[in-house]
Amino acid sequence: MFSVDSLKGMFKGNAGREKTPVGLNLGGSTVKMAKLKVLSDKVELCGYSVEPTPLDLEELLRKIAHAHEISAVNISVSGQQAIIRYIDFPRMTIGELRQALKFEAQKYIPFPVADVSLDATILREDLPDNKMRVLLAAVKKEFLDQRLKLLMAAGLSVNVVDIDSLALINAFNHNYGDEESLKNKSVALLNIGSATSNLNIIENRLPALSRDLPIAGNHLTQRIADVFTIDFKAAEELKVAGDKPQAEKITAAIEPVVTKLAKEVRTSFDYYESRSVASVEKIYLSGGGSMHAGLKESLAAMVGVEVDNWDPLRRIVLAEGIDPVKVKAVSGQLAVAVGLALRR
């Protein structure tokens, strides 16, 4: 169930017989769902949901499943419960790699191997000195079991368990992977959630570095609440609305938080660039925490790299009955859910 083995294959498109896969992203503050219809010549969005995470999450999942006629989902994990490592191994087959990981994995993960579900895939086999680049992923079994029990209680089965970062890359490559301007380029995907941000550097469409950053949307909102002396909910509304009369004060208020985020991003870039001949040329933003009107300009100035938002539905057709205005308002929050639904 927990598998990254089709990682490279899933970047090549989703042609095939009609399917209606569902991606379910259980975030800290919102639950996001995307239901796709995958046809031979196109992918349609035939259902979606963005709901605040309630105290009774099981009941919300039941409602979503009933409203959209869902029985099975693809899910993902992130944060302290899951890790990704990029490791150079001697060149070997995937079967040999899986055998080797039984003895080698403990060197690379901070948890006892017995406590995690492990998987790996070969990213590159053309490194010098007969080496290959391997992506190793691990998730704590206890956390995964709890998540699966929750979904089962809500009447949902799980097809695939992924990592947020990999689902994000999948969605980006589906929508932008054929862009000539991105060929042989290194770019970063920064998905700003409520409590955690996912930073991923991709090099010619393949992941090269992944980090979970402890600075996210709630930190921006709390800073606005403190400066404006308002409650958290009012601060969230002010942040997203981009109130023009207050724009300069809002930008000034969040500057310390953006500075911390930019420092984390820049440190990651410096590490990547010290190990690669390439430099990161652009940052693509997504996630609910990225919707603050002045964020991308501030981040670009601090990191010294162009920053822009990207659309997870750019190459996905809206099915009849989907309101384009309503879905556009939340499309940036659907990136992980869309990537999960695109998972083959």
Protein backbone atom coordinates (compact mmCIF):
# COMPACT_ATOMS: atom_id res chain seq x y z
CA MET A 1 0.00 0.00 0.00
CA PHE A 2 2.75 2.45 0.94
CA SER A 3 4.71 2.72 -2.28
CA VAL A 4 6.90 5.12 -4.21
CA ASP A 5 8.01 2.47 -6.69
CA SER A 6 6.04 3.98 -9.59
CA LEU A 7 7.51 7.43 -8.97
CA LYS A 8 9.26 7.90 -12.30
CA GLY A 9 6.50 6.15 -14.23
CA MET A 10 3.77 8.32 -12.80
CA PHE A 11 5.47 11.42 -14.21
CA LYS A 12 4.92 10.15 -17.75
CA GLY A 13 1.18 10.78 -17.91
CA ASN A 14 -1.97 8.89 -17.10
CA ALA A 15 -3.27 7.58 -20.42
CA GLY A 16 -5.39 4.49 -20.15
CA ARG A 17 -8.89 3.28 -19.57
CA GLU A 18 -11.37 5.52 -17.77
CA LYS A 19 -10.93 5.71 -14.01
CA THR A 20 -12.20 7.94 -11.24
CA PRO A 21 -9.37 8.04 -8.68
CA VAL A 22 -9.72 10.20 -5.57
CA GLY A 23 -7.02 12.10 -3.70
CA LEU A 24 -7.69 12.94 -0.06
CA ASN A 25 -5.38 15.38 1.73
CA LEU A 26 -6.02 15.50 5.49
CA GLY A 27 -4.39 18.81 6.42
CA GLY A 28 -4.01 20.42 9.81
CA SER A 29 -6.71 23.04 9.21
CA THR A 30 -8.54 21.83 6.09
CA VAL A 31 -9.51 18.58 4.41
CA LYS A 32 -9.04 18.64 0.65
CA MET A 33 -10.47 16.11 -1.80
CA ALA A 34 -10.13 15.87 -5.58
CA LYS A 35 -11.99 13.29 -7.68
CA LEU A 36 -10.75 12.89 -11.24
CA LYS A 37 -11.94 11.05 -14.30
CA VAL A 38 -8.89 9.80 -16.20
CA LEU A 39 -9.56 9.23 -19.90
CA SER A 40 -7.24 8.34 -22.77
CA ASP A 41 -7.00 11.94 -23.99
CA LYS A 42 -7.73 14.10 -20.96
CA VAL A 43 -8.25 14.29 -17.21
CA GLU A 44 -11.45 15.77 -15.77
CA LEU A 45 -12.13 17.16 -12.33
CA CYS A 46 -15.53 15.68 -11.51
CA GLY A 47 -15.64 16.52 -7.81
CA TYR A 48 -13.73 18.41 -5.14
CA SER A 49 -14.06 19.55 -1.55
CA VAL A 50 -12.22 21.98 0.73
CA GLU A 51 -13.57 21.87 4.28
CA PRO A 52 -12.26 23.08 7.66
CA THR A 53 -10.93 20.19 9.71
CA PRO A 54 -13.57 19.56 12.41
CA LEU A 55 -13.30 17.89 15.80
CA ASP A 56 -15.32 14.99 14.39
CA LEU A 57 -13.18 14.21 11.35
CA GLU A 58 -14.77 10.80 10.85
CA GLU A 59 -18.21 12.35 10.34
CA LEU A 60 -16.86 14.86 7.81
CA LEU A 61 -15.21 12.07 5.84
CA ARG A 62 -18.51 10.18 5.79
CA LYS A 63 -20.28 13.25 4.42
CA ILE A 64 -17.67 13.80 1.70
CA ALA A 65 -17.75 10.12 0.73
CA HIS A 66 -21.56 10.14 0.51
CA ALA A 67 -21.81 13.44 -1.37
CA HIS A 68 -19.24 12.41 -4.01
CA GLU A 69 -19.98 8.66 -4.12
CA ILE A 70 -16.49 7.67 -2.94
CA SER A 71 -15.46 4.31 -1.55
CA ALA A 72 -11.66 4.32 -1.98
CA VAL A 73 -9.02 7.05 -1.78
CA ASN A 74 -5.32 7.75 -2.17
CA ILE A 75 -3.87 9.54 0.87
CA SER A 76 -0.56 11.07 1.91
CA VAL A 77 1.43 11.88 5.03
CA SER A 78 3.97 14.56 5.94
CA GLY A 79 5.66 16.25 8.87
CA GLN A 80 7.41 14.41 11.69
CA GLN A 81 5.62 11.13 10.92
CA ALA A 82 7.24 10.74 7.50
CA ILE A 83 10.64 11.31 5.97
CA ILE A 84 12.28 11.34 2.55
CA ARG A 85 15.99 10.77 1.97
CA TYR A 86 18.04 11.01 -1.22
CA ILE A 87 20.91 8.53 -1.10
CA ASP A 88 23.66 7.46 -3.50
CA PHE A 89 23.95 3.66 -3.62
CA PRO A 90 26.18 1.36 -5.69
CA ARG A 91 24.31 0.54 -8.88
CA MET A 92 21.93 -2.42 -8.47
CA THR A 93 18.47 -3.62 -9.48
CA ILE A 94 15.34 -2.55 -7.60
CA GLY A 95 15.09 -6.07 -6.17
CA GLU A 96 18.66 -5.92 -4.89
CA LEU A 97 17.96 -2.46 -3.48
CA ARG A 98 15.00 -3.71 -1.47
CA GLN A 99 17.15 -6.47 -0.01
CA ALA A 100 19.94 -4.00 0.80
CA LEU A 101 17.54 -1.64 2.56
CA LYS A 102 16.74 -4.30 5.15
CA PHE A 103 20.28 -3.83 6.42
CA GLU A 104 21.14 -0.27 5.30
CA ALA A 105 17.99 1.74 6.04
CA GLN A 106 18.76 2.34 9.72
CA LYS A 107 21.73 4.50 8.68
CA TYR A 108 19.42 7.02 7.04
CA ILE A 109 16.28 7.30 9.18
CA PRO A 110 15.91 8.56 12.77
CA PHE A 111 13.38 5.87 13.79
CA PRO A 112 13.88 2.16 14.48
CA VAL A 113 13.33 0.29 11.22
CA ALA A 114 10.82 -1.99 12.95
CA ASP A 115 8.62 1.04 13.66
CA VAL A 116 8.26 2.27 10.07
CA SER A 117 6.94 1.25 6.69
CA LEU A 118 9.71 1.69 4.12
CA ASP A 119 9.84 2.00 0.37
CA ALA A 120 12.31 3.24 -2.21
CA THR A 121 12.70 3.92 -5.91
CA ILE A 122 15.67 4.48 -8.19
CA LEU A 123 15.72 8.04 -9.55
CA ARG A 124 18.97 8.04 -11.55
CA GLU A 125 21.31 5.28 -12.64
CA ASP A 126 23.89 7.45 -14.42
CA LEU A 127 25.95 8.82 -11.52
CA PRO A 128 29.77 8.62 -11.60
CA ASP A 129 31.65 5.75 -9.96
CA ASN A 130 28.94 3.21 -10.82
CA LYS A 131 26.48 4.87 -8.39
CA MET A 132 22.75 5.54 -8.57
CA ARG A 133 20.47 8.03 -6.82
CA VAL A 134 17.76 6.47 -4.64
CA LEU A 135 14.73 8.06 -3.01
CA LEU A 136 13.98 6.42 0.34
CA ALA A 137 10.64 7.10 2.06
CA ALA A 138 9.47 6.03 5.49
CA VAL A 139 6.34 6.57 7.57
CA LYS A 140 5.73 5.59 11.19
CA LYS A 141 3.56 2.48 11.36
CA GLU A 142 1.64 3.65 14.43
CA PHE A 143 0.60 6.89 12.75
CA LEU A 144 -0.27 5.10 9.52
CA ASP A 145 -2.38 2.52 11.37
CA GLN A 146 -4.33 5.29 13.11
CA ARG A 147 -4.98 7.04 9.81
CA LEU A 148 -6.14 3.82 8.13
CA LYS A 149 -8.47 2.99 11.05
CA LEU A 150 -10.03 6.47 10.81
CA LEU A 151 -10.72 6.06 7.11
CA MET A 152 -12.05 2.54 7.56
CA ALA A 153 -14.44 3.78 10.25
CA ALA A 154 -15.66 6.40 7.76
CA GLY A 155 -16.34 3.65 5.20
CA LEU A 156 -13.31 4.35 3.02
CA SER A 157 -10.63 1.97 1.82
CA VAL A 158 -7.14 3.17 0.88
CA ASN A 159 -5.41 2.30 -2.39
CA VAL A 160 -2.13 4.18 -2.00
CA VAL A 161 -0.31 5.96 0.82
CA ASP A 162 2.04 8.60 -0.54
CA ILE A 163 4.14 11.47 0.83
CA ASP A 164 2.77 15.03 0.45
CA SER A 165 5.95 16.16 -1.31
CA LEU A 166 5.75 13.43 -3.96
CA ALA A 167 2.06 14.06 -4.60
CA LEU A 168 2.86 17.75 -5.04
CA ILE A 169 5.57 16.98 -7.60
CA ASN A 170 3.18 14.65 -9.43
CA ALA A 171 0.56 17.39 -9.76
CA PHE A 172 3.13 19.94 -10.92
CA ASN A 173 4.63 17.64 -13.55
CA HIS A 174 1.21 16.76 -14.91
CA ASN A 175 0.42 20.44 -15.43
CA TYR A 176 3.81 21.95 -16.25
CA GLY A 177 6.16 19.05 -17.00
CA ASP A 178 6.00 19.50 -20.77
CA GLU A 179 6.91 23.19 -20.62
CA GLU A 180 9.96 23.76 -22.81
CA SER A 181 11.05 26.59 -20.52
CA LEU A 182 11.46 24.07 -17.66
CA LYS A 183 13.45 21.50 -19.62
CA ASN A 184 16.76 20.71 -17.89
CA LYS A 185 15.98 23.36 -15.27
CA SER A 186 15.87 23.20 -11.48
CA VAL A 187 12.84 24.77 -9.82
CA ALA A 188 11.35 24.67 -6.34
CA LEU A 189 7.82 23.88 -5.23
CA LEU A 190 6.86 25.54 -1.95
CA ASN A 191 3.54 24.33 -0.60
CA ILE A 192 2.58 26.47 2.41
CA GLY A 193 0.09 24.66 4.59
CA SER A 194 -1.34 25.75 7.92
CA ALA A 195 1.31 24.29 10.26
CA THR A 196 4.00 22.99 7.89
CA SER A 197 5.42 23.98 4.51
CA ASN A 198 6.74 21.43 2.01
CA LEU A 199 9.77 22.50 -0.02
CA ASN A 200 10.80 20.40 -3.00
CA ILE A 201 13.49 21.01 -5.56
CA ILE A 202 12.94 19.21 -8.85
CA GLU A 203 15.62 18.81 -11.47
CA ASN A 204 14.42 18.02 -14.98
CA ARG A 205 11.09 16.78 -13.54
CA LEU A 206 12.62 14.46 -10.93
CA PRO A 207 12.82 15.21 -7.19
CA ALA A 208 16.25 16.23 -5.97
CA LEU A 209 15.59 17.55 -2.45
CA SER A 210 12.58 17.53 -0.13
CA ARG A 211 12.15 19.23 3.25
CA ASP A 212 9.30 19.97 5.62
CA LEU A 213 9.73 23.50 7.01
CA PRO A 214 8.30 24.45 10.42
CA ILE A 215 7.04 27.85 9.20
CA ALA A 216 3.64 28.08 7.54
CA GLY A 217 0.34 29.91 7.16
CA ASN A 218 -0.67 29.86 10.84
CA HIS A 219 2.51 31.72 11.72
CA LEU A 220 1.63 34.48 9.23
CA THR A 221 -1.91 34.69 10.57
CA GLN A 222 -0.83 34.81 14.20
CA ARG A 223 1.61 37.60 13.45
CA ILE A 224 -1.17 39.66 11.82
CA ALA A 225 -3.45 38.96 14.79
CA ASP A 226 -0.78 40.18 17.21
CA VAL A 227 0.02 43.37 15.28
CA PHE A 228 -3.60 44.32 14.57
CA THR A 229 -4.83 43.15 18.00
CA ILE A 230 -7.58 41.00 16.47
CA ASP A 231 -8.54 37.34 16.87
CA PHE A 232 -7.10 34.57 14.70
CA LYS A 233 -10.18 34.21 12.49
CA ALA A 234 -10.31 37.92 11.69
CA ALA A 235 -6.57 37.90 10.97
CA GLU A 236 -7.00 34.99 8.55
CA GLU A 237 -9.71 36.87 6.67
CA LEU A 238 -7.54 39.99 6.53
CA LYS A 239 -4.55 37.99 5.29
CA VAL A 240 -6.44 36.33 2.45
CA ALA A 241 -8.48 39.40 1.43
CA GLY A 242 -5.35 41.46 0.77
CA ASP A 243 -7.04 44.59 2.12
CA LYS A 244 -5.47 47.41 0.06
CA PRO A 245 -5.77 50.20 2.67
CA GLN A 246 -3.95 47.93 5.13
CA ALA A 247 -1.59 46.31 2.61
CA GLU A 248 1.60 48.04 3.76
CA LYS A 249 0.88 47.36 7.42
CA ILE A 250 0.09 43.69 6.69
CA THR A 251 3.31 43.30 4.69
CA ALA A 252 5.29 44.90 7.50
CA ALA A 253 3.54 42.71 10.08
CA ILE A 254 4.43 39.42 8.41
CA GLU A 255 7.96 40.43 7.43
CA PRO A 256 9.65 38.68 10.40
CA VAL A 257 7.85 35.41 9.56
CA VAL A 258 8.61 35.67 5.83
CA THR A 259 12.24 36.41 6.72
CA LYS A 260 12.44 33.14 8.68
CA LEU A 261 10.77 31.23 5.85
CA ALA A 262 13.09 32.80 3.29
CA LYS A 263 16.13 31.84 5.39
CA GLU A 264 14.98 28.21 5.51
CA VAL A 265 14.39 28.21 1.75
CA ARG A 266 17.73 29.85 0.99
CA THR A 267 19.58 27.39 3.24
CA SER A 268 17.97 24.50 1.34
CA PHE A 269 18.92 26.07 -1.99
CA ASP A 270 22.53 26.56 -0.88
CA TYR A 271 22.75 22.92 0.19
CA TYR A 272 21.31 21.70 -3.10
CA GLU A 273 23.51 23.99 -5.18
CA SER A 274 26.63 22.84 -3.29
CA ARG A 275 25.90 19.29 -4.50
CA SER A 276 24.72 20.11 -8.03
CA VAL A 277 25.95 21.97 -11.08
CA ALA A 278 22.51 23.62 -11.36
CA SER A 279 20.92 26.53 -9.48
CA VAL A 280 17.26 26.91 -8.54
CA GLU A 281 15.78 29.33 -11.05
CA LYS A 282 12.20 29.79 -9.80
CA ILE A 283 9.89 29.07 -6.87
CA TYR A 284 6.31 27.92 -7.51
CA LEU A 285 3.89 28.53 -4.63
CA SER A 286 0.80 26.57 -3.62
CA GLY A 287 -1.17 25.80 -0.47
CA GLY A 288 -3.66 27.75 1.61
CA GLY A 289 -0.88 29.69 3.34
CA SER A 290 0.38 31.06 0.01
CA MET A 291 -2.74 33.12 -0.68
CA HIS A 292 -1.56 36.26 1.11
CA ALA A 293 -1.43 38.96 -1.57
CA GLY A 294 2.09 40.27 -0.86
CA LEU A 295 3.81 37.03 0.07
CA LYS A 296 5.37 36.10 -3.25
CA GLU A 297 6.85 39.59 -3.76
CA SER A 298 8.39 39.61 -0.28
CA LEU A 299 9.73 36.08 -0.64
CA ALA A 300 11.23 36.81 -4.07
CA ALA A 301 13.06 39.86 -2.74
CA MET A 302 14.47 37.96 0.23
CA VAL A 303 15.50 34.75 -1.54
CA GLY A 304 16.63 36.41 -4.76
CA VAL A 305 14.68 34.06 -7.01
CA GLU A 306 11.53 34.63 -9.07
CA VAL A 307 8.39 33.49 -7.23
CA ASP A 308 4.97 32.77 -8.72
CA ASN A 309 1.83 30.76 -7.99
CA TRP A 310 0.96 27.72 -10.06
CA ASP A 311 -2.35 26.11 -10.94
CA PRO A 312 -2.84 22.41 -10.08
CA LEU A 313 -5.82 22.36 -12.48
CA ARG A 314 -4.04 23.98 -15.43
CA ARG A 315 -4.30 20.90 -17.66
CA ILE A 316 -7.36 19.39 -16.05
CA VAL A 317 -10.77 19.87 -17.64
CA LEU A 318 -13.67 20.85 -15.39
CA ALA A 319 -16.57 18.43 -15.68
CA GLU A 320 -20.09 19.70 -16.25
CA GLY A 321 -21.49 21.15 -13.05
CA ILE A 322 -18.15 22.34 -11.63
CA ASP A 323 -18.28 26.13 -11.10
CA PRO A 324 -15.01 27.54 -12.55
CA VAL A 325 -15.12 30.65 -10.34
CA LYS A 326 -15.57 28.68 -7.12
CA VAL A 327 -12.93 26.08 -7.93
CA LYS A 328 -10.42 28.74 -9.00
CA ALA A 329 -10.73 30.35 -5.57
CA VAL A 330 -9.47 27.17 -3.88
CA SER A 331 -7.40 25.52 -6.65
CA GLY A 332 -4.10 26.42 -4.98
CA GLN A 333 -5.13 24.36 -1.95
CA LEU A 334 -5.88 21.28 -4.07
CA ALA A 335 -2.31 20.62 -5.25
CA VAL A 336 -1.60 17.61 -3.02
CA ALA A 337 -5.09 16.14 -3.47
CA VAL A 338 -4.81 16.44 -7.26
CA GLY A 339 -1.36 14.83 -7.21
CA LEU A 340 -2.76 11.94 -5.18
CA ALA A 341 -5.67 11.46 -7.55
CA LEU A 342 -3.25 11.39 -10.48
CA ARG A 343 -1.29 8.62 -8.80
CA ARG A 344 -1.52 5.42 -10.82
